[in-house]
Protein backbone atom coordinates (compact mmCIF):
# COMPACT_ATOMS: atom_id res chain seq x y z
CA MET A 1 -0.16 0.21 -0.07
CA THR A 2 1.66 3.17 -1.10
CA GLN A 3 1.73 6.14 1.30
CA PRO A 4 -0.76 8.58 -0.20
CA ASP A 5 -3.38 4.94 -0.12
CA MET A 6 -2.33 5.13 4.05
CA LEU A 7 -3.11 8.54 4.61
CA ARG A 8 -6.45 8.15 3.40
CA LEU A 9 -7.23 5.29 5.79
CA LEU A 10 -5.45 7.20 8.44
CA ARG A 11 -7.70 10.10 7.81
CA ASP A 12 -11.13 8.34 7.41
CA PRO A 13 -13.47 9.21 9.92
CA ASN A 14 -15.35 5.84 9.58
CA LEU A 15 -12.08 4.27 10.50
CA ILE A 16 -10.67 6.42 13.11
CA PRO A 17 -12.79 9.00 14.96
CA PRO A 18 -11.38 12.53 14.65
CA GLU A 19 -10.84 12.84 17.93
CA LYS A 20 -8.74 9.67 17.67
CA GLN A 21 -6.90 11.18 15.00
CA ASN A 22 -6.16 14.39 17.07
CA LEU A 23 -4.99 12.10 19.89
CA LEU A 24 -2.59 10.51 17.38
CA SER A 25 -1.50 14.10 16.17
CA ASP A 26 -0.57 15.19 19.58
CA LEU A 27 1.43 11.29 20.60
CA ALA A 28 3.28 12.22 17.08
CA ALA A 29 4.72 15.35 17.80
CA GLN A 30 5.60 14.44 21.22
CA ALA A 31 7.46 11.34 20.38
CA ALA A 32 9.13 13.63 17.70
CA SER A 33 10.59 16.18 20.19
CA LEU A 34 11.93 13.49 21.90
CA GLY A 35 13.94 12.34 18.83
CA PHE A 36 11.86 9.20 18.85
CA SER A 37 10.04 7.36 15.73
CA CYS A 38 6.92 6.44 16.73
CA TYR A 39 4.48 3.94 14.97
CA LEU A 40 1.01 2.41 15.22
CA VAL A 41 1.49 -1.52 15.27
CA GLY A 42 -0.14 -5.09 15.27
CA GLY A 43 -4.48 -4.72 15.44
CA PHE A 44 -4.40 -1.53 14.77
CA VAL A 45 -2.92 -1.76 11.11
CA ARG A 46 -4.70 -5.04 10.33
CA ASP A 47 -7.94 -3.78 10.89
CA LEU A 48 -7.43 -0.42 9.46
CA LEU A 49 -6.15 -2.47 6.13
CA LEU A 50 -9.03 -4.63 6.62
CA ARG A 51 -11.25 -1.32 6.40
CA ARG A 52 -12.51 -1.98 9.83
CA PRO A 53 -13.26 0.39 12.78
CA VAL A 54 -10.17 0.34 14.44
CA LYS A 55 -10.12 -0.05 18.31
CA ASP A 56 -6.83 -0.29 20.48
CA LEU A 57 -4.30 1.90 19.93
CA ASP A 58 -0.79 0.06 20.20
CA PHE A 59 1.49 3.08 19.77
CA VAL A 60 5.34 1.89 19.40
CA VAL A 61 8.75 4.07 19.93
CA GLU A 62 12.24 3.57 18.75
CA GLY A 63 12.73 4.85 22.47
CA ASP A 64 11.84 4.93 25.61
CA ALA A 65 8.01 4.66 26.02
CA ILE A 66 8.03 5.44 29.73
CA LYS A 67 9.77 8.57 29.26
CA LEU A 68 7.29 9.97 26.60
CA GLY A 69 4.68 8.67 29.08
CA ARG A 70 5.81 10.80 31.81
CA MET A 71 5.87 13.75 29.04
CA LEU A 72 2.21 13.38 28.18
CA VAL A 73 1.06 13.28 31.61
CA LYS A 74 2.96 16.28 32.39
CA LYS A 75 1.59 17.89 29.32
CA PHE A 76 -1.77 16.78 28.79
CA GLY A 77 -2.70 14.94 32.26
CA GLY A 78 -4.25 11.91 33.34
CA LYS A 79 -2.04 8.91 35.31
CA LEU A 80 0.92 6.94 33.87
CA THR A 81 1.70 3.13 35.15
CA PRO A 82 5.65 2.08 34.13
CA HIS A 83 6.61 -1.48 33.68
CA LYS A 84 9.72 -0.71 33.58
CA LYS A 85 10.47 -4.55 33.27
CA PHE A 86 8.97 -4.72 29.97
CA HIS A 87 9.87 -0.91 28.71
CA THR A 88 6.51 -0.18 28.68
CA ALA A 89 3.52 1.65 29.88
CA VAL A 90 -0.48 2.48 30.35
CA TRP A 91 -1.26 6.11 29.78
CA ARG A 92 -5.11 6.79 31.64
CA LEU A 93 -5.95 9.71 29.52
CA PRO A 94 -7.47 12.64 31.12
CA SER A 95 -11.32 12.28 31.21
CA THR A 96 -11.18 15.59 29.20
CA PHE A 97 -10.13 13.74 26.31
CA ASN A 98 -13.75 11.54 26.44
CA LEU A 99 -11.90 8.42 24.73
CA HIS A 100 -13.03 4.92 24.68
CA PRO A 101 -10.87 2.92 25.57
CA SER A 102 -9.78 5.42 28.16
CA PHE A 103 -6.03 4.06 28.19
CA LEU A 104 -3.42 4.22 26.04
CA ASP A 105 -0.76 1.12 25.57
CA LEU A 106 3.19 2.84 25.31
CA ILE A 107 5.88 0.57 23.78
CA THR A 108 9.05 0.47 23.53
CA ALA A 109 10.37 -1.05 20.36
CA ARG A 110 11.87 -4.22 21.66
CA LYS A 111 13.09 -7.72 21.00
CA GLU A 112 12.26 -10.59 23.37
CA THR A 113 14.07 -13.89 24.09
CA TYR A 114 12.37 -17.00 26.06
CA ALA A 115 14.32 -18.73 28.79
CA TYR A 116 12.07 -21.81 28.14
CA PRO A 117 9.40 -22.85 26.35
CA GLY A 118 5.96 -21.40 27.82
CA ALA A 119 7.87 -18.61 29.95
CA LEU A 120 7.27 -15.12 30.05
CA PRO A 121 9.77 -13.45 27.76
CA THR A 122 12.96 -11.32 28.24
CA VAL A 123 12.68 -8.16 26.85
CA THR A 124 15.51 -5.39 26.00
CA PRO A 125 14.65 -2.32 23.78
CA SER A 126 15.61 -2.62 19.84
CA THR A 127 14.18 -1.62 16.57
CA ILE A 128 10.69 -1.36 14.81
CA GLU A 129 11.54 -3.93 12.64
CA ASN A 130 12.75 -6.26 15.24
CA ASP A 131 9.77 -5.61 17.62
CA LEU A 132 7.68 -6.79 14.34
CA ARG A 133 9.57 -9.43 14.24
CA ARG A 134 8.77 -11.10 17.94
CA ARG A 135 5.15 -10.83 16.91
CA ASP A 136 2.99 -13.60 16.68
CA PHE A 137 1.23 -13.79 13.30
CA THR A 138 2.03 -11.84 9.81
CA ILE A 139 -1.07 -9.90 10.24
CA ASN A 140 0.11 -8.63 13.22
CA ALA A 141 3.55 -7.78 12.34
CA LEU A 142 2.60 -4.40 10.72
CA ALA A 143 3.21 -1.02 11.61
CA VAL A 144 2.29 2.61 10.36
CA ARG A 145 4.61 5.23 11.24
CA LEU A 146 3.71 8.52 12.37
CA ASP A 147 6.34 11.03 12.79
CA GLY A 148 7.43 13.56 10.48
CA ASP A 149 7.70 13.19 6.71
CA ARG A 150 7.29 9.87 7.10
CA PHE A 151 3.96 9.84 8.45
CA GLY A 152 1.78 7.31 7.07
CA GLU A 153 4.48 4.83 5.93
CA LEU A 154 3.72 1.27 6.02
CA LEU A 155 5.73 -1.37 7.88
CA ASP A 156 5.42 -4.76 6.42
CA PRO A 157 8.59 -6.85 6.71
CA LEU A 158 7.18 -10.06 6.48
CA ASN A 159 4.40 -9.78 4.15
CA GLY A 160 1.39 -9.37 6.46
CA GLN A 161 -0.67 -7.33 3.83
CA GLY A 162 -0.40 -10.07 1.09
CA ASP A 163 -2.06 -12.68 4.15
CA LEU A 164 -4.51 -10.45 5.21
CA GLU A 165 -5.50 -10.08 1.21
CA GLU A 166 -5.49 -14.11 1.38
CA GLY A 167 -7.09 -14.66 4.55
CA ILE A 168 -4.53 -16.44 6.02
CA VAL A 169 -2.68 -16.70 9.39
CA ARG A 170 0.51 -17.62 9.61
CA VAL A 171 3.18 -17.71 12.63
CA LEU A 172 6.66 -15.90 12.06
CA HIS A 173 8.42 -18.96 12.71
CA PRO A 174 8.15 -22.76 13.56
CA ARG A 175 8.59 -22.52 17.24
CA SER A 176 6.25 -19.68 18.04
CA PHE A 177 3.72 -22.06 19.48
CA ILE A 178 6.78 -23.39 21.44
CA ASP A 179 7.58 -20.14 22.46
CA ASP A 180 4.42 -18.85 23.59
CA PRO A 181 1.30 -21.78 23.11
CA THR A 182 -1.03 -19.05 23.87
CA ARG A 183 -0.61 -18.22 20.22
CA ILE A 184 -2.79 -21.36 19.03
CA LEU A 185 -5.80 -19.81 20.97
CA ARG A 186 -5.37 -16.60 19.24
CA ALA A 187 -4.88 -17.90 15.53
CA LEU A 188 -8.02 -19.86 15.84
CA ARG A 189 -9.67 -16.38 17.02
CA TYR A 190 -8.33 -14.82 14.35
CA GLU A 191 -9.31 -17.26 11.85
CA GLY A 192 -12.64 -17.29 13.15
CA ARG A 193 -13.24 -13.46 13.65
CA TYR A 194 -12.36 -12.89 9.94
CA SER A 195 -13.31 -16.34 8.57
CA PHE A 196 -9.37 -16.37 7.32
CA ASP A 197 -7.58 -20.33 7.26
CA LEU A 198 -4.50 -21.29 9.08
CA ASP A 199 -1.63 -22.45 6.83
CA SER A 200 -0.46 -25.22 6.36
CA LEU A 201 2.53 -25.18 8.18
CA THR A 202 0.61 -22.96 11.03
CA SER A 203 -1.70 -26.01 11.20
CA ASP A 204 0.84 -28.62 11.52
CA LEU A 205 2.79 -26.45 14.23
CA ILE A 206 -0.35 -26.97 16.41
CA ASN A 207 1.06 -30.69 17.85
CA SER A 208 1.68 -33.06 20.50
CA GLU A 209 4.81 -31.06 21.56
CA ALA A 210 3.09 -27.48 21.17
CA LEU A 211 -0.08 -28.92 23.64
CA ALA A 212 2.01 -30.41 25.91
CA ILE A 213 3.38 -26.93 26.75
CA LEU A 214 0.20 -25.60 26.75
CA SER A 215 -1.10 -28.29 29.30
CA GLN A 216 2.01 -26.51 31.37
CA LEU A 217 0.50 -22.67 31.46
CA SER A 218 -0.98 -21.17 34.64
CA GLY A 219 -4.87 -21.10 34.82
CA GLU A 220 -5.05 -17.49 34.46
CA ARG A 221 -2.77 -16.99 30.98
CA LEU A 222 -5.37 -19.86 29.45
CA ARG A 223 -8.54 -18.43 31.08
CA HIS A 224 -7.63 -14.87 30.08
CA GLU A 225 -7.69 -16.21 26.15
CA LEU A 226 -10.57 -18.34 26.66
CA ASP A 227 -12.60 -14.97 28.01
CA LEU A 228 -11.64 -13.12 24.80
CA ILE A 229 -12.81 -15.93 23.04
CA PHE A 230 -16.47 -15.00 24.19
CA GLU A 231 -15.93 -11.75 23.22
CA GLU A 232 -15.81 -12.86 19.60
CA ASP A 233 -18.99 -13.57 17.51
CA GLN A 234 -17.73 -16.63 16.64
CA PHE A 235 -16.87 -17.97 19.56
CA ALA A 236 -18.62 -21.43 19.36
CA ARG A 237 -16.70 -21.89 15.85
CA ILE A 238 -13.50 -20.76 17.50
CA LEU A 239 -14.08 -23.37 20.89
CA LEU A 240 -15.20 -26.18 18.05
CA ARG A 241 -11.67 -26.09 16.01
CA ALA A 242 -9.93 -26.00 19.12
CA GLY A 243 -11.77 -28.97 20.50
CA LYS A 244 -10.59 -30.24 16.68
CA PHE A 245 -6.99 -29.54 17.52
CA GLY A 246 -7.28 -31.40 20.79
CA LEU A 247 -6.75 -28.06 22.68
CA LEU A 248 -9.32 -28.63 25.08
CA LYS A 249 -8.50 -31.84 26.59
CA SER A 250 -4.80 -30.59 26.73
CA ILE A 251 -6.33 -27.73 29.09
CA HIS A 252 -8.39 -30.33 31.22
CA PRO A 253 -8.70 -33.95 30.23
CA LYS A 254 -12.71 -33.75 31.25
CA MET A 255 -13.01 -30.16 29.06
CA PRO A 256 -16.15 -30.93 26.99
CA GLU A 257 -16.64 -29.24 23.19
CA PHE A 258 -18.97 -26.53 23.24
CA ASN A 259 -22.06 -27.58 22.36
CA GLN A 260 -23.18 -25.56 19.10
CA ASP A 261 -26.44 -25.75 19.82
CA TYR A 262 -26.08 -23.41 22.68
CA ALA A 263 -24.25 -20.99 20.13
CA GLY A 264 -27.23 -18.43 19.84
CA PHE A 265 -27.81 -18.03 23.40
CA LEU A 266 -25.08 -15.22 24.83
CA GLU A 267 -27.45 -12.97 23.56
CA MET A 268 -29.58 -11.76 26.32
CA ASP A 269 -32.49 -10.64 26.80
CA ASN A 270 -32.44 -8.09 28.73
CA ARG A 271 -36.06 -7.50 29.44
CA LEU A 272 -36.04 -9.63 31.97
CA ASP A 273 -33.50 -7.35 33.97
CA VAL A 274 -31.09 -10.02 34.24
CA SER A 275 -27.71 -8.69 34.62
CA ALA A 276 -25.59 -9.73 31.47
CA ASP A 277 -22.32 -11.04 31.65
CA ARG A 278 -21.40 -13.07 28.31
CA ARG A 279 -18.69 -14.76 29.69
CA VAL A 280 -20.12 -15.92 33.05
CA MET A 281 -22.74 -17.38 30.15
CA GLY A 282 -20.95 -18.77 27.91
CA TYR A 283 -18.91 -20.77 30.69
CA MET A 284 -22.10 -21.69 32.11
CA LEU A 285 -23.38 -23.27 28.77
CA TRP A 286 -20.31 -25.22 28.14
CA PHE A 287 -20.15 -26.68 31.55
CA MET A 288 -23.46 -27.14 32.60
CA ASN A 289 -23.81 -31.09 31.66
CA LEU A 290 -20.86 -31.69 33.70
CA SER A 291 -21.13 -33.59 37.04
CA GLU A 292 -20.32 -31.56 40.41
CA GLU A 293 -16.64 -33.11 40.29
CA ASP A 294 -15.91 -32.04 37.27
CA VAL A 295 -17.06 -28.72 37.61
CA PHE A 296 -14.86 -27.79 40.65
CA SER A 297 -12.03 -29.52 39.02
CA ILE A 298 -11.95 -27.34 35.78
CA SER A 299 -12.86 -24.34 37.93
CA SER A 300 -9.84 -24.83 39.89
CA ARG A 301 -7.79 -25.49 37.12
CA LEU A 302 -8.77 -22.30 35.19
CA GLY A 303 -8.40 -20.27 38.48
CA PHE A 304 -12.58 -19.06 38.14
CA THR A 305 -13.29 -16.56 40.79
CA ASN A 306 -15.23 -18.14 43.79
CA GLU A 307 -18.14 -16.05 42.08
CA LEU A 308 -17.85 -17.67 38.67
CA THR A 309 -17.51 -20.88 39.89
CA LEU A 310 -21.02 -20.30 42.16
CA SER A 311 -22.58 -19.57 38.57
CA VAL A 312 -21.47 -22.93 36.73
CA TRP A 313 -21.91 -24.83 39.71
CA ALA A 314 -25.77 -23.90 40.66
CA ALA A 315 -26.43 -24.06 36.50
CA ALA A 316 -25.17 -27.39 36.43
CA GLN A 317 -26.84 -28.65 39.78
CA LEU A 318 -30.01 -26.90 38.50
CA LYS A 319 -30.41 -28.84 35.60
CA ARG A 320 -29.50 -31.85 36.81
CA SER A 321 -32.49 -31.03 38.96
CA LEU A 322 -35.00 -30.38 36.89
CA PRO A 323 -36.97 -33.44 36.95
CA HIS A 324 -37.32 -34.06 40.26
CA LEU A 325 -39.28 -30.21 40.48
CA ALA A 326 -41.11 -30.88 36.93
CA GLY A 327 -44.92 -29.83 38.15
CA SER A 328 -44.13 -28.67 41.60
CA LYS A 329 -46.24 -25.70 42.91
CA PRO A 330 -44.66 -22.11 42.57
CA SER A 331 -43.61 -21.85 45.90
CA VAL A 332 -41.74 -25.23 45.93
CA TRP A 333 -39.74 -23.55 42.41
CA THR A 334 -39.41 -20.42 44.39
CA TYR A 335 -37.43 -21.72 47.56
CA ALA A 336 -35.63 -24.00 45.31
CA LEU A 337 -34.23 -21.09 43.27
CA GLU A 338 -34.32 -18.06 45.36
CA LYS A 339 -30.59 -18.81 46.38
CA LEU A 340 -29.17 -19.20 43.06
CA PRO A 341 -27.65 -16.86 40.86
CA LEU A 342 -30.26 -15.46 38.76
CA LEU A 343 -28.14 -15.51 35.45
CA SER A 344 -27.47 -19.14 35.96
CA ILE A 345 -31.24 -19.74 36.39
CA TYR A 346 -31.72 -17.63 33.21
CA ALA A 347 -28.93 -19.93 31.76
CA VAL A 348 -30.53 -22.95 32.53
CA TYR A 349 -34.23 -21.83 30.92
CA LEU A 350 -32.32 -20.80 27.71
CA VAL A 351 -31.15 -24.55 27.53
CA SER A 352 -34.13 -26.52 28.59
CA ARG A 353 -37.52 -23.57 28.41
CA GLU A 354 -38.76 -24.91 31.34
CA ASN A 355 -41.68 -22.09 31.81
CA ALA A 356 -41.06 -22.74 35.24
CA LEU A 357 -37.87 -21.09 35.27
CA LEU A 358 -38.93 -17.94 33.09
CA ASP A 359 -42.23 -17.24 35.91
CA TYR A 360 -39.19 -16.98 38.74
CA ILE A 361 -37.30 -14.57 36.42
CA SER A 362 -40.03 -12.52 35.63
CA MET A 363 -42.75 -12.66 38.47
CA TRP A 364 -42.29 -15.20 41.48
CA ARG A 365 -39.21 -13.85 42.78
CA HIS A 366 -41.19 -10.61 43.37
CA VAL A 367 -43.91 -11.98 44.96
CA LYS A 368 -43.88 -11.38 49.00
CA PRO A 369 -46.40 -11.23 51.77
CA HIS A 370 -47.69 -7.79 53.21
CA THR A 371 -46.86 -8.72 56.53
CA THR A 372 -43.77 -8.20 57.59
CA GLY A 373 -41.82 -9.07 60.68
CA ASN A 374 -42.65 -5.52 62.48
CA ASP A 375 -46.30 -6.49 61.95
CA LEU A 376 -45.67 -9.84 64.19
CA LEU A 377 -43.73 -7.69 66.60
CA LYS A 378 -47.04 -5.44 66.94
CA ARG A 379 -48.36 -9.04 67.67
CA LYS A 380 -46.36 -9.81 70.77
CA LEU A 381 -44.63 -12.58 68.84
CA THR A 382 -41.54 -13.28 70.15
CA PRO A 383 -38.78 -13.14 67.33
CA GLY A 384 -37.07 -16.42 66.25
CA PRO A 385 -37.22 -19.01 63.93
CA ARG A 386 -41.12 -19.19 63.85
CA PHE A 387 -40.73 -15.38 62.14
CA GLY A 388 -39.40 -17.34 59.09
CA ASP A 389 -41.78 -19.72 58.95
CA ILE A 390 -44.88 -17.42 59.47
CA LEU A 391 -43.94 -15.30 56.63
CA SER A 392 -42.55 -18.08 54.50
CA ARG A 393 -46.12 -19.74 54.66
CA LEU A 394 -47.87 -16.12 53.89
CA ARG A 395 -45.50 -15.90 50.69
CA ALA A 396 -46.44 -19.58 49.52
CA ALA A 397 -50.26 -18.91 49.77
CA TRP A 398 -49.65 -16.28 47.33
CA LEU A 399 -47.48 -17.79 45.11
CA ASP A 400 -49.49 -20.93 44.86
CA GLY A 401 -53.21 -18.51 44.33
CA GLU A 402 -53.89 -19.88 47.84
CA VAL A 403 -54.78 -16.06 48.61
CA GLN A 404 -55.26 -13.64 46.64
CA SER A 405 -55.97 -10.65 48.79
CA LEU A 406 -55.18 -8.80 52.05
CA ALA A 407 -58.01 -9.60 53.40
CA GLN A 408 -57.50 -13.27 52.46
CA GLU A 409 -53.82 -12.88 53.70
CA LYS A 410 -55.24 -11.42 56.89
CA LYS A 411 -57.30 -14.37 57.47
CA LEU A 412 -54.31 -17.20 57.13
CA LEU A 413 -52.21 -15.34 59.61
CA GLU A 414 -55.08 -15.18 62.31
CA ARG A 415 -55.27 -18.98 61.43
CA LEU A 416 -51.50 -19.56 61.48
CA LEU A 417 -51.04 -17.59 65.36
CA GLU A 418 -53.94 -19.88 66.64
CA GLU A 419 -52.29 -22.66 65.52
CA ARG A 420 -49.01 -21.48 67.19
CA GLY A 421 -50.55 -21.41 70.15
CA ALA A 422 -50.26 -17.06 69.81
CA THR A 423 -52.78 -14.62 70.92
């Protein structure tokens, strides 16, 4: 792509909003004042060449990114979080910029070495070309220069533009998946997102050696990659491919393939007032058919939070309990469900289409008796378990249609008090 063609893309408001274009100009000017060459790299350039609106701005300088970040904070405000080990910094943008995302990664051009397969890299400052050659795939080994007369110049040392045009995901070297096996999941993510194909060598490199190293990675690193997959529109197809390559069993031997029939359930109906969390819903749909033992084992392997583990466990337990609850009164359903996360109940509803679950979400959980604890105190009733018993019985009567008015509730209350020897 010629420099004039790239300039047109960089100035296209449909791809880069004007406020981000202004930010890039400011960044380039500050970098130039320090004598640093500066570039946008990776996903920004990839999506720009595909004529897709850009999101993240990965900003690389041939110089000291932390020094540049401090200058930006001094001039514009915001907050800088430096990471000296990696020669990078995160600039939290001033609120007056009103940009999303509200932060910017500032990266020193670098090269990386790996002490052992799967290790985090050792980083040393280097040139932009070495920085591009350390990356994962050719379609990410692209950069656009932002400073001076070379503004808009495309750097493409590994023919990433050609692979974009051909729709190919290609690693940069044969040890790519050995150095960092999370790249395998990333490759499948790009393949699914763009409807690309892995080139034959890249597919062959997803082998037993790479999978063995993948199996040794921390749960946190693996869960992060799986979380990102659930953000993709084609997440189900990506997970299906991961299963066919043996990735899932390498992560945990009991990890199932994702049921493709559940793929459409990640888009939730907000009219039901259920707090939507795409990733939590994804894991519940994925693991709800597992045994309790397997749910806890996989949750531990992936380092789930207690809250996420509870949500997945609750969905699995509820799905198994449906045959025992079928045909029960609304009160029975309500007392069985009310301590479970609402999103877990909704996930099981989507899979089972059990109308009682939908009734609970939309109606039954909101039903309460008019009588309160204070009312019972006024009746000279001694606080204790009896309070809960009476209020639960009144609530059940409303749920099951036994009472349908305040007068009927009062009548039932009188009877309950008499039965318990209260006056």
